[in-house]
C-alpha cells in the first residue's frame, strides 16, 4: 500500500458565489470565477438550476403576426392569463387558450396586480397604450370612468386603493382611485393625483409605503388616504432604469439602477452622498448593457432568489444571459444562460410556488420544472479560483480530489483539473468523470429503480488525479443531461515539492 502519510489536505466549502472584482490572492477558496447555471444554494453549495417546461403545450394565439411576443403571463384563478398582440387569453395546463379580451391597440409589456375587493378576487392590468382593465375570472371591465388615466403603464394596489402611473401625457404623475374602489376617480370621494419631478419608471408597495421609482429619483408615499398622504424623497441622485426589475426578496427591495443592482434599504441607509450597489462583485455583467427596456426579473421566494434576465428580441434564447442573486448573510451571484423571458410572474398558492415567463416564441413556460430548458440542455459550469494553498512559490504534487455533493438523481458531469492559471505551457489532464448512477432514495420524490435505499444524501467521490503546479483550479462542466445537484465542497490532497 502506498505511503500517504506525507499528503496534505486542503479543504474548502463552496460559498461566496461568482466573484469578478477580486484578484486570485484576495478571493476565498469557495468563491467562483465561473458559475453558469449553478445557483448559490440556501442549503449551502452551488446547485445546478432546474429547467422549465411549457405551461400549456399550445401556443398563445397570435393577433396579427407570428412574430408577436407574449406581453403578459399572469397567474390568476388557477389559470394563466397571457397577452399577445391586441388580444388576451387564458388557459390551464391543458386544453386550448380562451380569448377574454381584444381590441387593445399598440399594447406594450403589461404590469398587473392581484387584489380582493368586497370579497371578490380581481386582477388588474395595464399596457401603456389603453385603459387599465380588471378581471374577476368571468367578466373583463375597462377602468374608464370619468377621470381615469387613459394609458397607464404601471398599476399596483396600496392602502385599499389602486395607483396608476406611466401615462404618456403625464409621465410624472401618479393617479389613484377613491379608497375601497377600483374605478372611482372622483376627487370628492377621495381619489386624486400626485406629481413628482422626474419621469416615473415603476411603482412598488413595500413595508407600508408606496415607492415611486423615477428615471433620476426615488420617492415614497406614506399615509392612509388623500387626507394624510405625503410624498417623501428617498434619493434625488439615482433612479430605476426599468420598472420590471423591481422585486422584493429577502426583506429587500431590489431594482436595476444605471450602474447595477441596488436595494432601497441600502439607498436609504447611505443617503444622497454616496450610493452603493449590491452587484459590485459581478459589475462587469452590468456594463455596456443595451435594450434595458426589454429586461425582466422574477423572484423564487422559497430560495430567497432574484433573477434578472437580459432579454432582447435580437438575441437567441441560447445566448440570452442574466444574473441570479441569492440573499444569504450577503448576496451571492451566478450567471444565467438560456432563459429569455418577455414577461414574468410568480405566486405561491397553497404552498406551491409557481414561476412563469412568457417568451418571444409565443409560449408561456413554468420555471423550476424538469431537468432541461423545454428540451434544450442546461449548460452548467463551475470554476474555482486558482488555489495556491497559501504559498504560491511551492510546487504541489496532487494525488486526489474528494468531491462532496448533494445529488437529486443520477449525475453526469466532467471534472477538470487545471494548473498554474491554465498556462498553455502546462500539461492539462483529460477530464475525470464526475457521475453516479445511484443516489439516496427520498420518500415521496424518488422513482423506483433510479435511487438506492439507504444511500448517502451527501456522498463523497474520491477521484485520483495527476499533475503538479504552483496553483490549481477545479472545473465542473455539466453535460446537460443531469438532474439538479449541489456542489458542496472539495478536498485536494497533495505533497509538497520544490520551491521555485
Protein backbone atom coordinates (compact mmCIF):
# COMPACT_ATOMS: atom_id res chain seq x y z
CA UNK A 1 0.00 0.00 0.00
CA UNK A 2 1.32 3.43 -0.93
CA UNK A 3 2.54 5.64 1.90
CA UNK A 4 0.19 8.61 2.07
CA UNK A 5 1.35 9.92 5.43
CA UNK A 6 3.02 12.88 3.76
CA UNK A 7 -0.09 14.10 1.97
CA UNK A 8 -1.52 17.46 2.97
CA UNK A 9 -5.27 18.05 2.70
CA UNK A 10 -6.75 21.36 1.55
CA UNK A 11 -10.49 21.56 2.25
CA UNK A 12 -12.94 24.26 1.19
CA UNK A 13 -16.71 24.65 1.06
CA UNK A 14 -18.42 26.14 -1.98
CA UNK A 15 -19.64 29.53 -0.77
CA UNK A 16 -19.46 33.16 -1.87
CA UNK A 17 -20.83 32.83 -5.39
CA UNK A 18 -19.46 34.35 -8.57
CA UNK A 19 -16.80 36.98 -7.82
CA UNK A 20 -15.31 39.11 -10.59
CA UNK A 21 -13.93 42.09 -8.64
CA UNK A 22 -11.17 40.43 -6.64
CA UNK A 23 -7.76 39.07 -7.56
CA UNK A 24 -6.97 35.40 -7.09
CA UNK A 25 -5.00 36.24 -3.95
CA UNK A 26 -7.98 38.09 -2.45
CA UNK A 27 -10.63 35.50 -3.24
CA UNK A 28 -11.75 32.93 -0.71
CA UNK A 29 -11.29 29.32 -1.95
CA UNK A 30 -15.05 28.63 -2.06
CA UNK A 31 -15.82 31.55 -4.34
CA UNK A 32 -16.19 31.01 -8.08
CA UNK A 33 -14.51 32.62 -11.07
CA UNK A 34 -17.11 30.99 -13.31
CA UNK A 35 -20.58 29.97 -12.20
CA UNK A 36 -23.07 29.50 -15.01
CA UNK A 37 -26.47 27.92 -14.40
CA UNK A 38 -25.38 26.96 -10.90
CA UNK A 39 -27.29 28.88 -8.25
CA UNK A 40 -25.96 29.64 -4.75
CA UNK A 41 -27.92 27.14 -2.68
CA UNK A 42 -29.63 28.34 0.52
CA UNK A 43 -28.70 24.92 1.93
CA UNK A 44 -25.06 25.54 1.10
CA UNK A 45 -23.02 25.00 -2.04
CA UNK A 46 -23.81 25.66 -5.69
CA UNK A 47 -26.83 23.90 -7.19
CA UNK A 48 -27.27 23.21 -10.89
CA UNK A 49 -30.51 25.02 -11.66
CA UNK A 50 -33.75 23.31 -12.58
CA UNK A 51 -35.27 23.64 -16.02
CA UNK A 52 -38.52 24.93 -17.41
CA UNK A 53 -41.39 23.41 -19.36
CA UNK A 54 -44.35 24.78 -21.28
CA UNK A 55 -47.28 25.79 -19.09
CA UNK A 56 -49.55 24.65 -21.89
CA UNK A 57 -48.31 22.86 -25.00
CA UNK A 58 -50.46 25.13 -27.17
CA UNK A 59 -49.02 28.43 -28.33
CA UNK A 60 -50.78 31.60 -27.23
CA UNK A 61 -52.84 32.59 -30.31
CA UNK A 62 -51.32 35.40 -32.34
CA UNK A 63 -53.17 38.55 -33.21
CA UNK A 64 -51.66 39.95 -36.40
CA UNK A 65 -48.23 38.32 -36.72
CA UNK A 66 -46.47 35.11 -35.73
CA UNK A 67 -43.54 37.22 -34.51
CA UNK A 68 -45.58 38.70 -31.65
CA UNK A 69 -44.05 38.02 -28.26
CA UNK A 70 -46.03 37.29 -25.10
CA UNK A 71 -46.64 40.63 -23.37
CA UNK A 72 -48.14 39.29 -20.14
CA UNK A 73 -48.10 35.97 -18.31
CA UNK A 74 -50.06 36.23 -15.07
CA UNK A 75 -51.41 33.50 -12.81
CA UNK A 76 -55.00 34.02 -11.69
CA UNK A 77 -57.77 31.68 -10.59
CA UNK A 78 -55.67 28.55 -11.33
CA UNK A 79 -55.09 29.63 -14.91
CA UNK A 80 -52.55 31.71 -16.77
CA UNK A 81 -53.62 34.94 -18.43
CA UNK A 82 -51.46 35.68 -21.47
CA UNK A 83 -51.42 38.71 -23.76
CA UNK A 84 -50.17 38.67 -27.31
CA UNK A 85 -50.71 41.44 -29.82
CA UNK A 86 -54.00 43.15 -29.05
CA UNK A 87 -55.68 40.12 -27.50
CA UNK A 88 -55.68 38.46 -24.09
CA UNK A 89 -56.30 34.75 -23.46
CA UNK A 90 -56.41 32.36 -20.51
CA UNK A 91 -55.69 28.66 -20.18
CA UNK A 92 -54.96 25.92 -17.70
CA UNK A 93 -52.17 23.42 -18.19
CA UNK A 94 -54.18 21.54 -20.83
CA UNK A 95 -56.72 22.48 -23.47
CA UNK A 96 -56.83 25.47 -25.78
CA UNK A 97 -56.42 29.14 -24.93
CA UNK A 98 -59.68 31.05 -24.47
CA UNK A 99 -59.87 34.67 -25.56
CA UNK A 100 -61.10 37.00 -22.81
CA UNK A 101 -60.22 40.46 -24.17
CA UNK A 102 -59.48 42.02 -27.54
CA UNK A 103 -59.18 45.35 -29.31
CA UNK A 104 -56.18 46.59 -27.33
CA UNK A 105 -54.29 48.89 -29.70
CA UNK A 106 -50.48 49.15 -29.66
CA UNK A 107 -50.22 47.36 -26.33
CA UNK A 108 -46.77 47.20 -24.75
CA UNK A 109 -45.47 44.99 -21.96
CA UNK A 110 -48.08 44.70 -19.23
CA UNK A 111 -47.94 45.18 -15.50
CA UNK A 112 -50.58 43.52 -13.32
CA UNK A 113 -51.75 43.34 -9.74
CA UNK A 114 -53.95 40.84 -7.88
CA UNK A 115 -56.33 42.13 -5.21
CA UNK A 116 -59.57 41.41 -3.37
CA UNK A 117 -62.43 43.90 -3.27
CA UNK A 118 -65.60 43.28 -1.24
CA UNK A 119 -64.85 39.56 -1.10
CA UNK A 120 -64.17 39.11 -4.84
CA UNK A 121 -60.74 38.35 -6.28
CA UNK A 122 -59.63 40.53 -9.17
CA UNK A 123 -56.61 41.02 -11.34
CA UNK A 124 -55.96 44.39 -12.98
CA UNK A 125 -53.55 45.01 -15.85
CA UNK A 126 -52.11 47.97 -17.73
CA UNK A 127 -50.21 48.08 -21.03
CA UNK A 128 -49.13 51.71 -21.57
CA UNK A 129 -51.46 52.29 -24.53
CA UNK A 130 -55.02 51.53 -23.40
CA UNK A 131 -57.21 51.91 -20.33
CA UNK A 132 -56.34 49.59 -17.47
CA UNK A 133 -58.63 46.57 -17.22
CA UNK A 134 -59.83 44.38 -14.37
CA UNK A 135 -60.98 40.75 -14.49
CA UNK A 136 -62.74 38.60 -11.92
CA UNK A 137 -62.47 35.27 -13.73
CA UNK A 138 -65.70 35.88 -15.62
CA UNK A 139 -66.03 39.49 -16.73
CA UNK A 140 -63.46 41.85 -18.22
CA UNK A 141 -64.08 45.53 -17.37
CA UNK A 142 -62.12 48.53 -18.62
CA UNK A 143 -61.38 51.11 -15.92
CA UNK A 144 -62.54 54.10 -17.95
CA UNK A 145 -64.73 56.12 -15.59
CA UNK A 146 -64.50 59.90 -15.60
CA UNK A 147 -61.01 60.93 -14.55
CA UNK A 148 -59.45 57.52 -15.23
CA UNK A 149 -55.96 57.54 -16.78
CA UNK A 150 -56.13 56.76 -20.49
CA UNK A 151 -52.95 54.72 -20.97
CA UNK A 152 -51.10 53.81 -17.76
CA UNK A 153 -48.03 51.56 -17.89
CA UNK A 154 -48.00 50.69 -14.20
CA UNK A 155 -50.72 49.62 -11.76
CA UNK A 156 -50.45 48.47 -8.13
CA UNK A 157 -52.63 48.36 -5.06
CA UNK A 158 -51.79 50.21 -1.84
CA UNK A 159 -53.96 51.05 1.19
CA UNK A 160 -57.09 49.53 -0.46
CA UNK A 161 -56.60 51.87 -3.41
CA UNK A 162 -55.37 51.36 -6.97
CA UNK A 163 -52.46 53.52 -8.15
CA UNK A 164 -51.58 54.16 -11.80
CA UNK A 165 -48.53 55.78 -13.43
CA UNK A 166 -46.63 55.94 -16.70
CA UNK A 167 -49.25 57.83 -18.71
CA UNK A 168 -47.95 59.27 -21.99
CA UNK A 169 -49.45 62.72 -21.37
CA UNK A 170 -48.33 62.93 -17.72
CA UNK A 171 -45.25 60.72 -17.16
CA UNK A 172 -44.51 62.40 -13.81
CA UNK A 173 -47.95 61.81 -12.29
CA UNK A 174 -49.49 59.11 -10.10
CA UNK A 175 -53.28 58.77 -10.25
CA UNK A 176 -55.19 56.88 -7.56
CA UNK A 177 -58.78 55.79 -7.04
CA UNK A 178 -61.05 56.53 -4.10
CA UNK A 179 -60.48 54.12 -1.17
CA UNK A 180 -62.05 50.67 -1.43
CA UNK A 181 -62.84 51.16 -5.13
CA UNK A 182 -61.11 50.30 -8.37
CA UNK A 183 -62.99 52.55 -10.84
CA UNK A 184 -63.93 55.68 -8.89
CA UNK A 185 -61.68 58.60 -9.79
CA UNK A 186 -63.78 61.30 -8.17
CA UNK A 187 -61.76 63.72 -6.06
CA UNK A 188 -64.81 64.28 -3.88
CA UNK A 189 -64.73 60.60 -2.92
CA UNK A 190 -61.01 60.53 -2.10
CA UNK A 191 -59.33 59.95 -5.47
CA UNK A 192 -56.50 62.18 -6.60
CA UNK A 193 -53.24 62.82 -8.40
CA UNK A 194 -49.68 63.13 -7.08
CA UNK A 195 -46.93 64.78 -9.10
CA UNK A 196 -43.17 64.27 -8.85
CA UNK A 197 -40.34 65.95 -10.77
CA UNK A 198 -38.99 63.03 -12.78
CA UNK A 199 -40.50 60.55 -15.23
CA UNK A 200 -41.86 57.55 -13.37
CA UNK A 201 -40.42 54.12 -14.22
CA UNK A 202 -42.18 51.92 -11.65
CA UNK A 203 -44.40 51.62 -8.56
CA UNK A 204 -43.96 49.12 -5.74
CA UNK A 205 -45.66 48.81 -2.32
CA UNK A 206 -43.13 47.91 0.37
CA UNK A 207 -43.27 47.97 4.18
CA UNK A 208 -46.43 50.07 4.45
CA UNK A 209 -45.09 52.57 1.93
CA UNK A 210 -45.54 53.00 -1.82
CA UNK A 211 -42.21 53.52 -3.56
CA UNK A 212 -42.30 55.67 -6.67
CA UNK A 213 -39.30 54.95 -8.88
CA UNK A 214 -38.27 57.55 -11.44
CA UNK A 215 -35.53 57.88 -14.03
CA UNK A 216 -33.39 60.03 -11.71
CA UNK A 217 -35.21 60.00 -8.36
CA UNK A 218 -36.90 57.70 -5.86
CA UNK A 219 -39.80 58.80 -3.68
CA UNK A 220 -42.02 57.07 -1.15
CA UNK A 221 -45.67 57.71 -0.39
CA UNK A 222 -46.73 57.36 3.24
CA UNK A 223 -50.13 57.76 4.87
CA UNK A 224 -53.50 56.08 4.53
CA UNK A 225 -55.77 58.31 2.43
CA UNK A 226 -55.68 61.55 0.49
CA UNK A 227 -56.13 63.32 3.81
CA UNK A 228 -52.68 62.38 5.06
CA UNK A 229 -50.73 61.12 2.02
CA UNK A 230 -47.19 62.53 1.94
CA UNK A 231 -44.56 62.13 -0.75
CA UNK A 232 -41.07 61.96 0.75
CA UNK A 233 -37.77 61.83 -1.16
CA UNK A 234 -35.65 58.70 -0.77
CA UNK A 235 -32.87 59.88 -3.08
CA UNK A 236 -32.53 62.52 -5.75
CA UNK A 237 -29.28 61.11 -7.12
CA UNK A 238 -30.22 57.70 -8.50
CA UNK A 239 -33.20 56.14 -10.25
CA UNK A 240 -34.50 52.92 -11.74
CA UNK A 241 -33.95 52.24 -15.43
CA UNK A 242 -36.60 49.51 -15.79
CA UNK A 243 -39.65 49.04 -13.57
CA UNK A 244 -39.92 45.35 -14.46
CA UNK A 245 -36.70 44.75 -12.50
CA UNK A 246 -38.20 45.92 -9.18
CA UNK A 247 -38.82 42.99 -6.81
CA UNK A 248 -38.98 42.29 -3.10
CA UNK A 249 -36.75 39.46 -1.93
CA UNK A 250 -35.43 38.52 1.48
CA UNK A 251 -36.69 41.73 3.08
CA UNK A 252 -35.03 43.97 0.48
CA UNK A 253 -36.41 45.87 -2.49
CA UNK A 254 -34.11 45.25 -5.45
CA UNK A 255 -34.08 47.25 -8.67
CA UNK A 256 -31.81 47.91 -11.64
CA UNK A 257 -30.08 51.26 -11.42
CA UNK A 258 -27.88 52.81 -14.10
CA UNK A 259 -24.83 51.04 -12.66
CA UNK A 260 -26.15 47.69 -11.46
CA UNK A 261 -28.47 46.18 -8.90
CA UNK A 262 -29.38 48.23 -5.84
CA UNK A 263 -31.62 47.91 -2.83
CA UNK A 264 -33.95 50.55 -1.48
CA UNK A 265 -32.83 49.72 2.06
CA UNK A 266 -29.24 50.26 1.09
CA UNK A 267 -30.05 53.50 -0.70
CA UNK A 268 -31.92 54.90 2.31
CA UNK A 269 -29.12 53.89 4.67
CA UNK A 270 -26.42 55.55 2.62
CA UNK A 271 -28.49 58.64 1.76
CA UNK A 272 -27.73 61.05 -1.06
CA UNK A 273 -23.99 61.32 -0.63
CA UNK A 274 -22.53 58.09 -1.99
CA UNK A 275 -24.77 55.32 -3.25
CA UNK A 276 -23.59 51.72 -3.21
CA UNK A 277 -24.64 48.74 -5.31
CA UNK A 278 -25.13 45.15 -4.20
CA UNK A 279 -23.84 43.78 -7.50
CA UNK A 280 -20.32 45.17 -7.37
CA UNK A 281 -18.75 41.70 -7.26
CA UNK A 282 -20.31 40.96 -10.68
CA UNK A 283 -20.19 44.51 -12.02
CA UNK A 284 -18.82 43.51 -15.45
CA UNK A 285 -22.16 41.81 -16.13
CA UNK A 286 -23.91 45.19 -15.92
CA UNK A 287 -21.51 47.20 -18.06
CA UNK A 288 -22.33 48.06 -21.65
CA UNK A 289 -25.89 46.74 -21.48
CA UNK A 290 -28.33 47.89 -24.16
CA UNK A 291 -32.06 47.37 -24.73
CA UNK A 292 -32.64 47.63 -20.99
CA UNK A 293 -36.33 48.26 -21.62
CA UNK A 294 -36.73 44.59 -22.55
CA UNK A 295 -35.11 43.23 -19.40
CA UNK A 296 -37.28 41.39 -16.89
CA UNK A 297 -36.96 39.79 -13.49
CA UNK A 298 -38.59 37.27 -11.19
CA UNK A 299 -38.29 36.06 -7.61
CA UNK A 300 -38.16 32.46 -6.39
CA UNK A 301 -39.45 33.05 -2.85
CA UNK A 302 -38.56 29.70 -1.27
CA UNK A 303 -34.95 30.21 -2.36
CA UNK A 304 -34.81 33.96 -1.49
CA UNK A 305 -33.56 34.27 -5.06
CA UNK A 306 -33.82 37.16 -7.50
CA UNK A 307 -33.27 36.62 -11.21
CA UNK A 308 -32.74 39.35 -13.78
CA UNK A 309 -32.80 38.45 -17.47
CA UNK A 310 -31.04 40.49 -20.15
CA UNK A 311 -33.66 39.59 -22.73
CA UNK A 312 -33.77 41.00 -26.24
CA UNK A 313 -35.65 40.17 -29.41
CA UNK A 314 -32.28 40.37 -31.19
CA UNK A 315 -30.62 37.65 -29.11
CA UNK A 316 -31.42 33.96 -29.40
CA UNK A 317 -32.69 32.04 -26.40
CA UNK A 318 -29.47 30.04 -26.07
CA UNK A 319 -27.37 33.20 -25.99
CA UNK A 320 -29.59 35.16 -23.60
CA UNK A 321 -27.83 35.82 -20.32
CA UNK A 322 -28.83 37.03 -16.90
CA UNK A 323 -27.77 37.11 -13.27
CA UNK A 324 -29.20 35.40 -10.22
CA UNK A 325 -28.78 36.88 -6.74
CA UNK A 326 -29.42 34.84 -3.59
CA UNK A 327 -29.95 36.57 -0.26
CA UNK A 328 -27.84 34.96 2.46
CA UNK A 329 -25.84 36.96 5.01
CA UNK A 330 -24.78 38.90 1.94
CA UNK A 331 -25.83 38.48 -1.68
CA UNK A 332 -24.23 35.71 -3.72
CA UNK A 333 -24.41 35.79 -7.51
CA UNK A 334 -24.22 33.49 -10.51
CA UNK A 335 -24.69 33.73 -14.27
CA UNK A 336 -27.78 32.53 -16.11
CA UNK A 337 -27.81 31.44 -19.73
CA UNK A 338 -30.61 30.04 -21.89
CA UNK A 339 -33.73 31.72 -20.39
CA UNK A 340 -35.30 34.55 -22.45
CA UNK A 341 -38.45 35.94 -20.84
CA UNK A 342 -40.51 38.66 -22.47
CA UNK A 343 -42.63 38.88 -19.29
CA UNK A 344 -42.75 37.13 -15.91
CA UNK A 345 -44.88 36.37 -12.87
CA UNK A 346 -44.57 34.43 -9.62
CA UNK A 347 -47.01 33.49 -6.90
CA UNK A 348 -47.30 30.96 -4.07
CA UNK A 349 -50.63 29.13 -3.97
CA UNK A 350 -51.30 26.74 -1.09
CA UNK A 351 -47.60 26.19 -0.60
CA UNK A 352 -46.87 25.66 -4.30
CA UNK A 353 -44.60 28.30 -5.81
CA UNK A 354 -45.39 29.00 -9.47
CA UNK A 355 -42.74 30.80 -11.54
CA UNK A 356 -43.86 31.83 -15.03
CA UNK A 357 -42.42 33.56 -18.03
CA UNK A 358 -43.80 34.38 -21.44
CA UNK A 359 -41.38 34.09 -24.33
CA UNK A 360 -40.69 35.74 -27.65
CA UNK A 361 -41.76 32.49 -29.34
CA UNK A 362 -45.40 32.89 -28.23
CA UNK A 363 -45.40 30.25 -25.48
CA UNK A 364 -45.72 30.53 -21.71
CA UNK A 365 -43.29 28.50 -19.61
CA UNK A 366 -43.14 27.42 -15.98
CA UNK A 367 -39.70 27.61 -14.38
CA UNK A 368 -38.30 25.32 -11.71
CA UNK A 369 -39.60 22.29 -13.62
CA UNK A 370 -37.68 19.38 -15.11
CA UNK A 371 -34.02 18.92 -15.94
CA UNK A 372 -33.73 20.89 -19.18
CA UNK A 373 -34.92 24.06 -20.87
CA UNK A 374 -38.00 22.67 -22.63
CA UNK A 375 -35.94 20.00 -24.38
CA UNK A 376 -32.73 22.04 -24.65
CA UNK A 377 -29.78 21.08 -22.46
CA UNK A 378 -28.78 23.22 -19.49
CA UNK A 379 -25.12 24.11 -19.77
CA UNK A 380 -23.76 24.32 -16.23
CA UNK A 381 -20.22 25.49 -15.50
CA UNK A 382 -18.24 25.96 -12.30
CA UNK A 383 -14.63 27.09 -11.91
CA UNK A 384 -12.84 27.64 -8.63
CA UNK A 385 -10.27 30.37 -8.04
CA UNK A 386 -6.63 29.49 -8.69
CA UNK A 387 -5.64 27.93 -5.38
CA UNK A 388 -2.05 28.20 -4.13
CA UNK A 389 -2.74 26.68 -0.67
CA UNK A 390 -1.19 29.70 0.98
CA UNK A 391 2.18 29.51 -0.78
CA UNK A 392 2.40 30.24 -4.49
CA UNK A 393 6.18 29.60 -4.50
CA UNK A 394 5.94 25.89 -3.64
CA UNK A 395 5.17 23.26 -6.26
CA UNK A 396 2.47 20.81 -5.17
CA UNK A 397 2.16 17.26 -6.47
CA UNK A 398 -1.56 16.48 -6.46
CA UNK A 399 -2.77 12.98 -5.76
CA UNK A 400 -6.52 13.11 -5.20
CA UNK A 401 -9.60 15.35 -5.17
CA UNK A 402 -12.59 14.49 -3.00
CA UNK A 403 -15.92 15.96 -4.12
CA UNK A 404 -18.72 16.49 -1.63
CA UNK A 405 -22.06 16.95 -3.39
CA UNK A 406 -25.80 16.52 -2.90
CA UNK A 407 -27.47 14.71 -5.82
CA UNK A 408 -31.18 14.70 -6.57
CA UNK A 409 -30.85 11.93 -9.16
CA UNK A 410 -28.04 10.46 -11.28
CA UNK A 411 -25.23 12.93 -12.04
CA UNK A 412 -23.41 13.05 -15.35
CA UNK A 413 -20.67 15.70 -15.48
CA UNK A 414 -16.95 16.17 -16.01
CA UNK A 415 -14.26 17.33 -13.56
CA UNK A 416 -11.25 19.18 -14.95
CA UNK A 417 -8.05 19.97 -13.06
CA UNK A 418 -6.01 22.91 -14.37
CA UNK A 419 -2.61 24.06 -13.16
CA UNK A 420 -0.72 27.35 -12.96
CA UNK A 421 -3.52 29.66 -14.07
CA UNK A 422 -4.31 27.45 -17.07
CA UNK A 423 -1.00 28.27 -18.68
CA UNK A 424 -0.74 26.72 -22.19
CA UNK A 425 2.79 25.58 -21.30
CA UNK A 426 1.50 23.33 -18.52
CA UNK A 427 0.08 19.85 -19.29
CA UNK A 428 -3.69 19.58 -18.93
CA UNK A 429 -5.03 16.24 -17.73
CA UNK A 430 -8.05 14.85 -19.54
CA UNK A 431 -11.47 15.21 -17.97
CA UNK A 432 -12.24 12.99 -14.98
CA UNK A 433 -15.77 11.57 -14.90
CA UNK A 434 -17.98 13.03 -12.20
CA UNK A 435 -21.01 10.82 -12.29
CA UNK A 436 -23.04 8.41 -10.25
CA UNK A 437 -25.83 6.09 -11.24
CA UNK A 438 -27.38 5.66 -7.81
CA UNK A 439 -28.41 8.20 -5.22
CA UNK A 440 -30.25 8.18 -1.94
CA UNK A 441 -33.97 7.44 -2.14
CA UNK A 442 -36.20 10.22 -0.82
CA UNK A 443 -39.70 9.07 0.12
CA UNK A 444 -42.34 10.85 -1.91
CA UNK A 445 -39.96 12.18 -4.58
CA UNK A 446 -37.72 9.31 -5.76
CA UNK A 447 -38.62 6.99 -8.61
CA UNK A 448 -38.36 3.25 -8.08
CA UNK A 449 -35.35 1.85 -9.89
CA UNK A 450 -33.46 5.17 -10.07
CA UNK A 451 -32.46 5.59 -6.42
CA UNK A 452 -30.80 3.45 -3.79
CA UNK A 453 -32.43 2.78 -0.44
CA UNK A 454 -30.07 3.80 2.35
CA UNK A 455 -27.73 5.69 0.02
CA UNK A 456 -25.87 8.83 1.07
CA UNK A 457 -27.66 12.15 0.61
CA UNK A 458 -24.29 13.99 0.62
CA UNK A 459 -21.85 11.41 -0.78
CA UNK A 460 -18.15 11.79 -1.45
CA UNK A 461 -16.41 10.96 -4.71
CA UNK A 462 -12.70 10.15 -4.26
CA UNK A 463 -11.02 10.81 -7.60
CA UNK A 464 -7.30 10.14 -8.10
CA UNK A 465 -5.72 12.89 -10.21
CA UNK A 466 -2.37 13.58 -11.79
CA UNK A 467 -0.22 16.62 -12.32
CA UNK A 468 1.59 19.28 -10.34
CA UNK A 469 1.79 23.03 -10.19
CA UNK A 470 2.21 26.08 -8.05
CA UNK A 471 -1.54 26.74 -8.23
CA UNK A 472 -4.52 24.59 -9.15
CA UNK A 473 -8.10 25.26 -10.26
CA UNK A 474 -11.05 22.91 -10.45
CA UNK A 475 -13.71 22.99 -13.14
CA UNK A 476 -17.03 21.14 -13.31
CA UNK A 477 -18.80 21.08 -16.66
CA UNK A 478 -22.28 19.68 -16.60
CA UNK A 479 -23.14 17.68 -19.69
CA UNK A 480 -26.70 18.93 -19.70
CA UNK A 481 -28.33 15.58 -19.05
CA UNK A 482 -28.26 15.52 -15.25
CA UNK A 483 -30.96 16.26 -12.76
CA UNK A 484 -30.02 19.15 -10.47
CA UNK A 485 -27.30 18.52 -7.89
CA UNK A 486 -25.42 20.74 -5.48
CA UNK A 487 -21.63 21.05 -5.24
CA UNK A 488 -20.92 21.34 -1.52
CA UNK A 489 -17.13 21.41 -1.36
CA UNK A 490 -13.80 19.85 -2.28
CA UNK A 491 -10.72 18.41 -0.64
CA UNK A 492 -7.42 18.46 -2.52
CA UNK A 493 -4.67 16.11 -1.34
CA UNK A 494 -1.06 16.83 -2.32
CA UNK A 495 2.53 16.51 -1.24
CA UNK A 496 4.97 19.38 -1.28
CA UNK A 497 7.59 19.64 -3.99
CA UNK A 498 10.39 22.12 -4.59
CA UNK A 499 10.28 25.87 -4.11
CA UNK A 500 10.55 27.95 -7.23
